[in-house]
Each structure stands twice: as structure tokens, then as C-alpha cells.
C-alpha atoms as a PDB file:
ATOM      1  CA  MET A   1       9.363 -16.370 -15.422  1.00  0.00           C
ATOM      2  CA  GLN A   2      12.288 -16.134 -17.822  1.00  0.00           C
ATOM      3  CA  ASN A   3      13.304 -13.285 -20.150  1.00  0.00           C
ATOM      4  CA  GLN A   4      12.305 -10.490 -17.832  1.00  0.00           C
ATOM      5  CA  PRO A   5      13.457  -7.016 -18.930  1.00  0.00           C
ATOM      6  CA  THR A   6      15.853  -5.845 -16.230  1.00  0.00           C
ATOM      7  CA  GLU A   7      17.828  -2.761 -15.304  1.00  0.00           C
ATOM      8  CA  ASP A   8      20.662  -2.367 -12.840  1.00  0.00           C
ATOM      9  CA  PHE A   9      19.750   0.092 -10.099  1.00  0.00           C
ATOM     10  CA  GLN A  10      21.856   0.642  -6.972  1.00  0.00           C
ATOM     11  CA  GLY A  11      23.574  -2.667  -7.658  1.00  0.00           C
ATOM     12  CA  GLN A  12      20.279  -4.561  -7.891  1.00  0.00           C
ATOM     13  CA  SER A  13      18.749  -6.233 -10.937  1.00  0.00           C
ATOM     14  CA  LEU A  14      15.201  -4.853 -11.079  1.00  0.00           C
ATOM     15  CA  VAL A  15      12.400  -5.645 -13.507  1.00  0.00           C
ATOM     16  CA  ARG A  16      11.640  -2.776 -15.865  1.00  0.00           C
ATOM     17  CA  ILE A  17       8.202  -2.210 -17.390  1.00  0.00           C
ATOM     18  CA  GLY A  18       7.317   0.590 -19.804  1.00  0.00           C
ATOM     19  CA  HIS A  19       9.008   2.916 -22.277  1.00  0.00           C
ATOM     20  CA  ALA A  20      11.905   5.353 -22.481  1.00  0.00           C
ATOM     21  CA  ASP A  21      10.520   8.127 -20.272  1.00  0.00           C
ATOM     22  CA  SER A  22       7.558   6.417 -18.544  1.00  0.00           C
ATOM     23  CA  TYR A  23       8.408   3.202 -16.758  1.00  0.00           C
ATOM     24  CA  LEU A  24       8.427   1.191 -13.549  1.00  0.00           C
ATOM     25  CA  LEU A  25      11.311  -0.497 -11.747  1.00  0.00           C
ATOM     26  CA  LEU A  26      10.221  -3.327  -9.468  1.00  0.00           C
ATOM     27  CA  ALA A  27      11.927  -5.734  -7.083  1.00  0.00           C
ATOM     28  CA  PRO A  28       9.831  -8.932  -6.992  1.00  0.00           C
ATOM     29  CA  GLN A  29      12.534 -10.617  -4.917  1.00  0.00           C
ATOM     30  CA  HIS A  30      12.201  -7.904  -2.267  1.00  0.00           C
ATOM     31  CA  GLY A  31       8.545  -7.946  -1.303  1.00  0.00           C
ATOM     32  CA  GLY A  32       7.249  -7.101  -4.777  1.00  0.00           C
ATOM     33  CA  ARG A  33       8.369  -3.532  -4.102  1.00  0.00           C
ATOM     34  CA  LEU A  34       7.726  -0.849  -6.682  1.00  0.00           C
ATOM     35  CA  VAL A  35      11.023   1.020  -6.410  1.00  0.00           C
ATOM     36  CA  ARG A  36      10.679   3.703  -9.102  1.00  0.00           C
ATOM     37  CA  TRP A  37       7.761   5.105 -11.039  1.00  0.00           C
ATOM     38  CA  VAL A  38       8.989   7.501 -13.726  1.00  0.00           C
ATOM     39  CA  HIS A  39       6.269   9.459 -15.494  1.00  0.00           C
ATOM     40  CA  ARG A  40       7.339  11.503 -18.535  1.00  0.00           C
ATOM     41  CA  GLY A  41      10.891  11.628 -17.274  1.00  0.00           C
ATOM     42  CA  GLN A  42      10.109  12.581 -13.674  1.00  0.00           C
ATOM     43  CA  ASP A  43      10.172  10.402 -10.562  1.00  0.00           C
ATOM     44  CA  VAL A  44       6.760  10.291  -8.916  1.00  0.00           C
ATOM     45  CA  LEU A  45       7.915   8.275  -5.915  1.00  0.00           C
ATOM     46  CA  TYR A  46      10.756   8.842  -3.485  1.00  0.00           C
ATOM     47  CA  TRP A  47      13.646   6.413  -3.158  1.00  0.00           C
ATOM     48  CA  PRO A  48      16.754   7.148  -1.064  1.00  0.00           C
ATOM     49  CA  GLU A  49      20.083   7.513  -2.846  1.00  0.00           C
ATOM     50  CA  ALA A  50      21.797   5.279  -0.290  1.00  0.00           C
ATOM     51  CA  ALA A  51      19.167   2.593   0.250  1.00  0.00           C
ATOM     52  CA  ASP A  52      20.169  -0.312   2.495  1.00  0.00           C
ATOM     53  CA  TRP A  53      19.472  -3.309   0.265  1.00  0.00           C
ATOM     54  CA  SER A  54      20.493  -5.688   3.044  1.00  0.00           C
ATOM     55  CA  ARG A  55      17.170  -4.759   4.688  1.00  0.00           C
ATOM     56  CA  PRO A  56      14.952  -3.629   1.784  1.00  0.00           C
ATOM     57  CA  ALA A  57      11.694  -4.055   3.729  1.00  0.00           C
ATOM     58  CA  LYS A  58      12.875  -1.244   6.017  1.00  0.00           C
ATOM     59  CA  VAL A  59      13.718   1.197   3.218  1.00  0.00           C
ATOM     60  CA  ARG A  60      11.553   4.323   3.218  1.00  0.00           C
ATOM     61  CA  GLY A  61      10.560   4.607  -0.421  1.00  0.00           C
ATOM     62  CA  GLY A  62       8.684   3.254  -3.395  1.00  0.00           C
ATOM     63  CA  ASN A  63       5.477   1.386  -2.611  1.00  0.00           C
ATOM     64  CA  PRO A  64       5.656  -1.406  -0.031  1.00  0.00           C
ATOM     65  CA  LEU A  65       2.778  -3.903  -0.292  1.00  0.00           C
ATOM     66  CA  LEU A  66       0.809  -4.351   2.920  1.00  0.00           C
ATOM     67  CA  PHE A  67      -0.735  -7.814   3.332  1.00  0.00           C
ATOM     68  CA  PRO A  68      -2.588  -9.642   4.843  1.00  0.00           C
ATOM     69  CA  PHE A  69      -3.278  -6.868   7.356  1.00  0.00           C
ATOM     70  CA  ILE A  70      -2.188  -3.241   7.468  1.00  0.00           C
ATOM     71  CA  GLY A  71      -0.966  -1.354  10.507  1.00  0.00           C
ATOM     72  CA  ARG A  72      -0.314  -2.336  14.094  1.00  0.00           C
ATOM     73  CA  HIS A  73      -2.215  -5.108  15.891  1.00  0.00           C
ATOM     74  CA  PHE A  74      -2.624  -5.856  19.569  1.00  0.00           C
ATOM     75  CA  ALA A  75      -3.772  -8.948  21.430  1.00  0.00           C
ATOM     76  CA  GLU A  76      -3.944  -8.973  25.210  1.00  0.00           C
ATOM     77  CA  ALA A  77      -2.402  -5.480  25.078  1.00  0.00           C
ATOM     78  CA  LYS A  78       0.708  -6.823  23.332  1.00  0.00           C
ATOM     79  CA  PRO A  79       1.696  -5.253  19.987  1.00  0.00           C
ATOM     80  CA  GLY A  80       2.503  -7.420  16.980  1.00  0.00           C
ATOM     81  CA  GLN A  81      -0.164  -9.991  17.812  1.00  0.00           C
ATOM     82  CA  TRP A  82      -3.704 -10.812  16.767  1.00  0.00           C
ATOM     83  CA  GLN A  83      -6.344 -13.180  18.071  1.00  0.00           C
ATOM     84  CA  ASP A  84      -8.440 -15.416  15.826  1.00  0.00           C
ATOM     85  CA  GLN A  85     -12.062 -16.390  16.331  1.00  0.00           C
ATOM     86  CA  GLN A  86     -11.047 -19.506  18.249  1.00  0.00           C
ATOM     87  CA  GLY A  87      -9.059 -17.408  20.718  1.00  0.00           C
ATOM     88  CA  THR A  88      -5.630 -18.408  19.448  1.00  0.00           C
ATOM     89  CA  VAL A  89      -3.068 -15.586  19.480  1.00  0.00           C
ATOM     90  CA  HIS A  90      -0.756 -15.263  16.469  1.00  0.00           C
ATOM     91  CA  THR A  91       2.347 -13.127  15.949  1.00  0.00           C
ATOM     92  CA  LEU A  92       2.323 -10.795  12.942  1.00  0.00           C
ATOM     93  CA  SER A  93       4.592  -7.835  12.329  1.00  0.00           C
ATOM     94  CA  GLN A  94       3.316  -4.359  11.495  1.00  0.00           C
ATOM     95  CA  HIS A  95       1.808  -4.200   7.985  1.00  0.00           C
ATOM     96  CA  GLY A  96       2.037  -7.975   7.610  1.00  0.00           C
ATOM     97  CA  PHE A  97       4.685 -10.079   5.905  1.00  0.00           C
ATOM     98  CA  ALA A  98       4.334  -9.389   2.158  1.00  0.00           C
ATOM     99  CA  ARG A  99       6.976  -6.643   2.075  1.00  0.00           C
ATOM    100  CA  ASP A 100       9.502  -9.073   3.616  1.00  0.00           C
ATOM    101  CA  LEU A 101       9.066 -12.006   1.223  1.00  0.00           C
ATOM    102  CA  PRO A 102       9.960 -12.751  -2.420  1.00  0.00           C
ATOM    103  CA  PHE A 103       7.218 -12.684  -5.062  1.00  0.00           C
ATOM    104  CA  ASP A 104       7.152 -14.634  -8.309  1.00  0.00           C
ATOM    105  CA  VAL A 105       6.594 -12.827 -11.608  1.00  0.00           C
ATOM    106  CA  SER A 106       3.535 -14.687 -12.900  1.00  0.00           C
ATOM    107  CA  ALA A 107       2.623 -12.509 -15.914  1.00  0.00           C
ATOM    108  CA  LEU A 108       4.469  -9.840 -17.835  1.00  0.00           C
ATOM    109  CA  ASP A 109       4.002  -7.430 -20.720  1.00  0.00           C
ATOM    110  CA  PRO A 110       7.301  -5.512 -20.953  1.00  0.00           C
ATOM    111  CA  GLN A 111       5.522  -2.457 -22.346  1.00  0.00           C
ATOM    112  CA  SER A 112       2.827  -2.047 -19.741  1.00  0.00           C
ATOM    113  CA  THR A 113       1.944  -4.684 -17.144  1.00  0.00           C
ATOM    114  CA  ILE A 114       3.389  -7.001 -14.527  1.00  0.00           C
ATOM    115  CA  THR A 115       1.740  -9.436 -12.122  1.00  0.00           C
ATOM    116  CA  MET A 116       3.712 -10.546  -9.059  1.00  0.00           C
ATOM    117  CA  THR A 117       2.415 -13.345  -6.854  1.00  0.00           C
ATOM    118  CA  LEU A 118       2.988 -14.356  -3.243  1.00  0.00           C
ATOM    119  CA  ARG A 119       1.637 -17.697  -2.041  1.00  0.00           C
ATOM    120  CA  ASP A 120       1.351 -19.101   1.451  1.00  0.00           C
ATOM    121  CA  SER A 121       4.369 -20.951   2.795  1.00  0.00           C
ATOM    122  CA  ALA A 122       5.847 -22.022   6.109  1.00  0.00           C
ATOM    123  CA  ALA A 123       7.035 -18.424   6.519  1.00  0.00           C
ATOM    124  CA  THR A 124       3.487 -17.033   6.220  1.00  0.00           C
ATOM    125  CA  ARG A 125       1.550 -19.758   8.013  1.00  0.00           C
ATOM    126  CA  ALA A 126       3.501 -19.200  11.239  1.00  0.00           C
ATOM    127  CA  GLY A 127       1.553 -15.990  11.891  1.00  0.00           C
ATOM    128  CA  PHE A 128      -1.309 -16.312   9.409  1.00  0.00           C
ATOM    129  CA  PRO A 129      -2.526 -19.934   9.181  1.00  0.00           C
ATOM    130  CA  PHE A 130      -4.382 -19.634   5.881  1.00  0.00           C
ATOM    131  CA  ALA A 131      -3.811 -20.721   2.278  1.00  0.00           C
ATOM    132  CA  PHE A 132      -3.819 -17.881  -0.260  1.00  0.00           C
ATOM    133  CA  ALA A 133      -2.496 -16.376  -3.467  1.00  0.00           C
ATOM    134  CA  PHE A 134      -1.841 -12.631  -3.300  1.00  0.00           C
ATOM    135  CA  ASP A 135      -1.269 -10.879  -6.635  1.00  0.00           C
ATOM    136  CA  ALA A 136      -0.006  -7.340  -7.160  1.00  0.00           C
ATOM    137  CA  VAL A 137      -0.771  -6.172 -10.705  1.00  0.00           C
ATOM    138  CA  TYR A 138       0.860  -2.943 -11.932  1.00  0.00           C
ATOM    139  CA  ALA A 139      -0.417  -1.527 -15.229  1.00  0.00           C
ATOM    140  CA  LEU A 140       1.066   1.633 -16.749  1.00  0.00           C
ATOM    141  CA  LEU A 141      -1.467   4.058 -18.232  1.00  0.00           C
ATOM    142  CA  PRO A 142      -0.714   6.952 -20.609  1.00  0.00           C
ATOM    143  CA  ASP A 143      -1.485   9.377 -17.784  1.00  0.00           C
ATOM    144  CA  GLY A 144      -0.729   7.295 -14.721  1.00  0.00           C
ATOM    145  CA  LEU A 145      -0.799   3.914 -13.087  1.00  0.00           C
ATOM    146  CA  GLU A 146      -3.381   1.314 -12.098  1.00  0.00           C
ATOM    147  CA  VAL A 147      -2.644  -1.137  -9.298  1.00  0.00           C
ATOM    148  CA  THR A 148      -4.716  -4.182  -8.387  1.00  0.00           C
ATOM    149  CA  LEU A 149      -4.226  -6.079  -5.135  1.00  0.00           C
ATOM    150  CA  ARG A 150      -5.928  -9.434  -5.725  1.00  0.00           C
ATOM    151  CA  THR A 151      -6.418 -12.002  -2.972  1.00  0.00           C
ATOM    152  CA  THR A 152      -7.583 -15.565  -3.576  1.00  0.00           C
ATOM    153  CA  ASN A 153      -8.499 -17.974  -0.791  1.00  0.00           C
ATOM    154  CA  THR A 154      -6.919 -21.244  -1.934  1.00  0.00           C
ATOM    155  CA  GLY A 155      -7.741 -23.050   1.303  1.00  0.00           C
ATOM    156  CA  THR A 156     -10.730 -24.696   2.966  1.00  0.00           C
ATOM    157  CA  GLN A 157     -11.511 -22.142   5.703  1.00  0.00           C
ATOM    158  CA  ARG A 158     -12.582 -18.512   5.633  1.00  0.00           C
ATOM    159  CA  LEU A 159      -9.700 -16.103   5.215  1.00  0.00           C
ATOM    160  CA  PRO A 160      -9.524 -12.615   6.778  1.00  0.00           C
ATOM    161  CA  CYS A 161      -7.613  -9.829   5.044  1.00  0.00           C
ATOM    162  CA  TYR A 162      -7.425  -6.080   4.473  1.00  0.00           C
ATOM    163  CA  PRO A 163      -4.476  -5.145   2.265  1.00  0.00           C
ATOM    164  CA  GLY A 164      -3.178  -1.706   1.355  1.00  0.00           C
ATOM    165  CA  HIS A 165      -0.516   0.506  -0.184  1.00  0.00           C
ATOM    166  CA  HIS A 166       2.250   2.654   1.299  1.00  0.00           C
ATOM    167  CA  PHE A 167       3.084   5.109  -1.513  1.00  0.00           C
ATOM    168  CA  TYR A 168       6.066   7.350  -0.730  1.00  0.00           C
ATOM    169  CA  PHE A 169       5.522  10.374  -2.971  1.00  0.00           C
ATOM    170  CA  ALA A 170       8.543  12.519  -3.801  1.00  0.00           C
ATOM    171  CA  LEU A 171       8.090  15.947  -2.204  1.00  0.00           C
ATOM    172  CA  PRO A 172      10.923  18.168  -0.922  1.00  0.00           C
ATOM    173  CA  HIS A 173      10.068  18.983   2.689  1.00  0.00           C
ATOM    174  CA  ALA A 174      10.395  22.715   2.021  1.00  0.00           C
ATOM    175  CA  GLN A 175       7.386  22.405  -0.331  1.00  0.00           C
ATOM    176  CA  ARG A 176       4.969  20.854   2.140  1.00  0.00           C
ATOM    177  CA  ALA A 177       3.267  24.150   2.901  1.00  0.00           C
ATOM    178  CA  ALA A 178       2.629  24.570  -0.836  1.00  0.00           C
ATOM    179  CA  ALA A 179       1.174  21.064  -1.196  1.00  0.00           C
ATOM    180  CA  SER A 180      -2.316  19.898  -0.285  1.00  0.00           C
ATOM    181  CA  LEU A 181      -4.600  16.894  -0.043  1.00  0.00           C
ATOM    182  CA  ALA A 182      -8.266  17.189  -1.037  1.00  0.00           C
ATOM    183  CA  LEU A 183     -10.739  14.555   0.147  1.00  0.00           C
ATOM    184  CA  PRO A 184     -14.468  13.845  -0.093  1.00  0.00           C
ATOM    185  CA  ARG A 185     -16.497  13.607   3.117  1.00  0.00           C
ATOM    186  CA  THR A 186     -14.430  11.698   5.669  1.00  0.00           C
ATOM    187  CA  GLU A 187     -14.018  11.112   9.370  1.00  0.00           C
ATOM    188  CA  ARG A 188     -10.544  11.677  10.793  1.00  0.00           C
ATOM    189  CA  LEU A 189      -9.123   9.455  13.526  1.00  0.00           C
ATOM    190  CA  ARG A 190      -5.978   7.831  14.875  1.00  0.00           C
ATOM    191  CA  GLN A 191      -5.178   4.537  16.525  1.00  0.00           C
ATOM    192  CA  LEU A 192      -5.181   4.410  20.321  1.00  0.00           C
ATOM    193  CA  PRO A 193      -2.257   2.882  22.243  1.00  0.00           C
ATOM    194  CA  ASP A 194      -4.249  -0.328  22.792  1.00  0.00           C
ATOM    195  CA  GLY A 195      -4.925  -0.694  19.060  1.00  0.00           C
ATOM    196  CA  LYS A 196      -8.550   0.393  19.014  1.00  0.00           C
ATOM    197  CA  PRO A 197      -9.687   3.198  16.694  1.00  0.00           C
ATOM    198  CA  GLY A 198      -9.737   6.517  18.485  1.00  0.00           C
ATOM    199  CA  PRO A 199     -12.659   8.935  18.556  1.00  0.00           C
ATOM    200  CA  ALA A 200     -13.610  10.153  15.089  1.00  0.00           C
ATOM    201  CA  GLY A 201     -14.185  13.736  14.099  1.00  0.00           C
ATOM    202  CA  PRO A 202     -15.318  15.317  10.846  1.00  0.00           C
ATOM    203  CA  GLY A 203     -12.555  15.608   8.277  1.00  0.00           C
ATOM    204  CA  GLU A 204     -11.667  18.694   6.287  1.00  0.00           C
ATOM    205  CA  SER A 205     -12.182  18.957   2.548  1.00  0.00           C
ATOM    206  CA  THR A 206      -8.587  20.155   2.037  1.00  0.00           C
ATOM    207  CA  TYR A 207      -5.414  20.002   4.123  1.00  0.00           C
ATOM    208  CA  ARG A 208      -2.004  21.557   3.646  1.00  0.00           C
ATOM    209  CA  LEU A 209       0.615  18.849   3.999  1.00  0.00           C
ATOM    210  CA  ASP A 210       2.352  20.712   6.811  1.00  0.00           C
ATOM    211  CA  ASP A 211      -0.817  20.328   8.920  1.00  0.00           C
ATOM    212  CA  PRO A 212       0.135  18.298  12.027  1.00  0.00           C
ATOM    213  CA  ARG A 213      -3.364  16.786  12.117  1.00  0.00           C
ATOM    214  CA  LEU A 214      -2.353  14.628   9.144  1.00  0.00           C
ATOM    215  CA  GLN A 215       0.444  12.793  10.902  1.00  0.00           C
ATOM    216  CA  ASP A 216      -0.295   9.053  11.214  1.00  0.00           C
ATOM    217  CA  THR A 217      -3.977   9.756  10.624  1.00  0.00           C
ATOM    218  CA  PHE A 218      -6.753   7.709   9.017  1.00  0.00           C
ATOM    219  CA  HIS A 219      -9.310   9.434   6.802  1.00  0.00           C
ATOM    220  CA  VAL A 220     -12.329   7.111   6.672  1.00  0.00           C
ATOM    221  CA  PHE A 221     -14.509   7.619   3.615  1.00  0.00           C
ATOM    222  CA  ARG A 222     -18.155   8.494   4.157  1.00  0.00           C
ATOM    223  CA  ASP A 223     -18.825   9.231   0.478  1.00  0.00           C
ATOM    224  CA  SER A 224     -17.459   7.768  -2.751  1.00  0.00           C
ATOM    225  CA  PRO A 225     -13.716   7.274  -2.091  1.00  0.00           C
ATOM    226  CA  SER A 226     -11.182   9.477  -3.854  1.00  0.00           C
ATOM    227  CA  ALA A 227      -8.325  11.870  -3.147  1.00  0.00           C
ATOM    228  CA  MET A 228      -6.328  14.578  -4.888  1.00  0.00           C
ATOM    229  CA  LEU A 229      -2.700  15.206  -3.973  1.00  0.00           C
ATOM    230  CA  SER A 230      -1.537  18.600  -5.258  1.00  0.00           C
ATOM    231  CA  MET A 231       2.154  19.455  -5.199  1.00  0.00           C
ATOM    232  CA  PRO A 232       4.157  22.178  -6.921  1.00  0.00           C
ATOM    233  CA  GLY A 233       4.221  21.201 -10.590  1.00  0.00           C
ATOM    234  CA  ARG A 234       2.174  18.007 -10.233  1.00  0.00           C
ATOM    235  CA  GLU A 235      -1.242  16.683  -9.256  1.00  0.00           C
ATOM    236  CA  ILE A 236      -2.073  13.045  -8.531  1.00  0.00           C
ATOM    237  CA  ARG A 237      -5.723  12.040  -8.562  1.00  0.00           C
ATOM    238  CA  PHE A 238      -6.620   8.841  -6.724  1.00  0.00           C
ATOM    239  CA  GLU A 239      -9.507   7.032  -8.390  1.00  0.00           C
ATOM    240  CA  LEU A 240     -10.708   4.550  -5.783  1.00  0.00           C
ATOM    241  CA  ASP A 241     -14.337   3.914  -6.719  1.00  0.00           C
ATOM    242  CA  LEU A 242     -13.713   1.554  -9.634  1.00  0.00           C
ATOM    243  CA  PRO A 243     -15.796  -1.304 -11.062  1.00  0.00           C
ATOM    244  CA  GLY A 244     -14.808  -4.696  -9.725  1.00  0.00           C
ATOM    245  CA  SER A 245     -13.012  -3.328  -6.684  1.00  0.00           C
ATOM    246  CA  VAL A 246     -13.829  -3.961  -3.048  1.00  0.00           C
ATOM    247  CA  PRO A 247     -14.445  -0.740  -1.097  1.00  0.00           C
ATOM    248  CA  TRP A 248     -11.430   1.264  -0.015  1.00  0.00           C
ATOM    249  CA  HIS A 249     -12.105   2.097   3.612  1.00  0.00           C
ATOM    250  CA  ALA A 250      -9.640   4.945   4.162  1.00  0.00           C
ATOM    251  CA  VAL A 251      -6.500   6.726   3.117  1.00  0.00           C
ATOM    252  CA  THR A 252      -3.758   7.204   5.666  1.00  0.00           C
ATOM    253  CA  THR A 253      -1.369  10.159   5.764  1.00  0.00           C
ATOM    254  CA  TRP A 254       2.104   9.896   7.272  1.00  0.00           C
ATOM    255  CA  SER A 255       5.695  11.032   7.034  1.00  0.00           C
ATOM    256  CA  GLU A 256       8.672  10.033   9.118  1.00  0.00           C
ATOM    257  CA  SER A 257       9.599  13.591  10.086  1.00  0.00           C
ATOM    258  CA  GLU A 258       9.108  17.216   9.100  1.00  0.00           C
ATOM    259  CA  THR A 259      12.393  17.159   7.165  1.00  0.00           C
ATOM    260  CA  CYS A 260      11.806  14.066   5.026  1.00  0.00           C
ATOM    261  CA  ASP A 261      11.602  14.623   1.282  1.00  0.00           C
ATOM    262  CA  PHE A 262       8.595  12.352   0.923  1.00  0.00           C
ATOM    263  CA  TYR A 263       4.981  12.246   1.948  1.00  0.00           C
ATOM    264  CA  CYS A 264       2.838   9.118   2.177  1.00  0.00           C
ATOM    265  CA  VAL A 265      -0.783   8.904   1.065  1.00  0.00           C
ATOM    266  CA  GLU A 266      -1.877   5.295   1.498  1.00  0.00           C
ATOM    267  CA  PRO A 267      -5.150   3.720   0.306  1.00  0.00           C
ATOM    268  CA  TRP A 268      -6.192   1.002   2.770  1.00  0.00           C
ATOM    269  CA  VAL A 269      -8.978  -1.569   2.580  1.00  0.00           C
ATOM    270  CA  GLY A 270      -9.337  -1.569   6.380  1.00  0.00           C
ATOM    271  CA  LEU A 271      -8.088   0.092   9.538  1.00  0.00           C
ATOM    272  CA  PRO A 272      -5.300  -1.269  11.730  1.00  0.00           C
ATOM    273  CA  ASP A 273      -6.493  -3.971  14.140  1.00  0.00           C
ATOM    274  CA  ALA A 274      -9.641  -4.535  12.044  1.00  0.00           C
ATOM    275  CA  ILE A 275      -9.444  -8.258  12.784  1.00  0.00           C
ATOM    276  CA  HIS A 276     -10.606  -7.263  16.291  1.00  0.00           C
ATOM    277  CA  HIS A 277     -12.922  -4.282  15.668  1.00  0.00           C
ATOM    278  CA  GLY A 278     -14.159  -5.074  12.150  1.00  0.00           C
ATOM    279  CA  GLN A 279     -13.721  -1.721  10.380  1.00  0.00           C
ATOM    280  CA  GLY A 280     -12.788  -2.736   6.830  1.00  0.00           C
ATOM    281  CA  LEU A 281     -12.246  -6.413   7.656  1.00  0.00           C
ATOM    282  CA  ARG A 282     -12.832  -8.665   4.635  1.00  0.00           C
ATOM    283  CA  TRP A 283     -13.647 -12.387   4.818  1.00  0.00           C
ATOM    284  CA  LEU A 284     -13.045 -14.566   1.759  1.00  0.00           C
ATOM    285  CA  ALA A 285     -14.799 -17.909   1.435  1.00  0.00           C
ATOM    286  CA  PRO A 286     -12.820 -20.912   0.151  1.00  0.00           C
ATOM    287  CA  GLY A 287     -12.156 -20.393  -3.550  1.00  0.00           C
ATOM    288  CA  GLN A 288     -13.212 -16.736  -3.474  1.00  0.00           C
ATOM    289  CA  THR A 289     -11.152 -13.949  -5.087  1.00  0.00           C
ATOM    290  CA  GLU A 290     -11.372 -10.234  -4.303  1.00  0.00           C
ATOM    291  CA  SER A 291      -9.550  -7.289  -5.863  1.00  0.00           C
ATOM    292  CA  ALA A 292      -8.779  -3.842  -4.504  1.00  0.00           C
ATOM    293  CA  VAL A 293      -8.131  -1.546  -7.471  1.00  0.00           C
ATOM    294  CA  CYS A 294      -6.765   1.979  -7.407  1.00  0.00           C
ATOM    295  CA  ARG A 295      -5.871   4.251 -10.294  1.00  0.00           C
ATOM    296  CA  LEU A 296      -3.457   7.173  -9.983  1.00  0.00           C
ATOM    297  CA  ARG A 297      -3.789   9.865 -12.661  1.00  0.00           C
ATOM    298  CA  VAL A 298      -0.899  12.313 -13.003  1.00  0.00           C
ATOM    299  CA  ALA A 299      -1.232  15.859 -14.304  1.00  0.00           C
ATOM    300  CA  GLY A 300       1.666  18.246 -14.677  1.00  0.00           C
END
């Protein structure tokens, strides 16, 4: 699409959506990555000052798009593989391939909305032999952001998927003890070394973000899905029970280390390795479209 509003950032030409003090910077050519989300003059997401743009999929920051599957997969005890219903083993990297591939800008309103689209190609069919169109729609709201992950099966066979987000929220590590995550009724679990979901226990209603039980942990919703991330000076409310959306299965909490100035709260449609155990696995019939919609409201 021509005539895209752009801004130079770290030597990259990124698409800019929004207004003077509330806007998005996105890199369709680098996995459809949301790089910056500025709300009323303040960065909501973390992005490193010295990002390695030679390997943007590996940069810790923004919001990488996770598709067709999230997390780590194992087939015959080997990581990075999954087995289809016919018994064929396919190779697929952690979190899928979307964050590694260029998206097309398929619709654009410079003031508020962008749609970026990834379609199947030789690069995707090597590890995921299905025809699809995967759209990421970002829409700025006066008090936040709405994101739709829309998958269409453009082929002739059923398509499995369970996409998700990987939001890196800006949070100085010294403030983790003063930050918290509130959840509805959940079960808390982690992935076992063989890929299977580990034993589940009852989740807490509120966690401090310095709680080690949050590290690389899945919080599976047992009531209407939602979350509230409270940080010094800012609250972010996750609205996940929205009309027209498939169910969000869990949010995942993670950070790279105790000294990182970011914290990840990630809405996921399914759990890692769901293609084998079924928790959150979605099947789309030929011609079918499904959307996973989340809305992030910012206060403060």
C-alpha cells in the first residue's frame, strides 16, 4: 500500500498511526511488529535503545505476533517440532514464524487503524502445510488500544491454530515490587520439559510482579477472561471477553531476568504444544475466519 505515513526510528522507516502524543510505530516488514505505543506522551511498551535490527525477531520489545502456534512444541521428545494427525512431523520454531516474516499493509487509516496481513508462502508451508491469511489489526482508542488477530483458512483442509501476543510492558525493574497483576479465577501451571502442561494449581487473585511464581507461567482462565496490570503511575486493564472474539485461554507472565526493565503479560488463545494436548487448540474449516480480540485500557 502506497502513501503510508512513516517516521524514522533507529534508522528504520516505520509506519506511524495516530496523533501528536498518542500514536503507534509499526514495522510491517519485520514481522508486523508493534515497536512503540505512545499514550498521551508516554511509552507503554519497552523497546531497547540499541536494538539489533539485523535480527529484529530476536529483539526483546514491542509486541511480537505469535502465529500459527505459541510457545514451545515437542514431537518424539524433540523441541521445535510438531506432529500432525497423519503422523507427519513438522519443524516449527518457538512461537511460530509470523514474527520472522514481512507483512503487507492491507488497510490503513493514518489517524487510528492499520491492518497488516501475512499469507502462506513457501517459507510458511515448510513447517505449516496450510493455506491462510493472518491479519493483525491495531486500532487506537482514546483511552487505549484494541488489537484483533484474525485468521482465515484459505485452503481446502482444516487448519489448526492458536495465536497470541507477547507485550513487553515498560517497567523499571526496581519497581516490580510496587507493581501487581490482578486476575479472575485461574489455574496456574507451567510447561513440563517434554512439552506437556504441568500440574495445575489454583491461581491467586493478585500477584506482585517480583513473585517468582509468575516466571514463565500460564494462568488459565476459569471465569470470564480479564487482567489488570498495575504499575506506579499507570494501570492497564485487559478486556478479553469481547463480542466476536474466540475465547482467550490464558495469559502468560514472563521476563528475561530480574534486572530487565520490562515485564511481559501475554494473552494467548491456547497453551504451548496444544496441537498435541488440545488445550486452546482451534480448528478452522475451509473458508472459515476467526478473530481473537483484546482491548487494553490505560489509566494514569
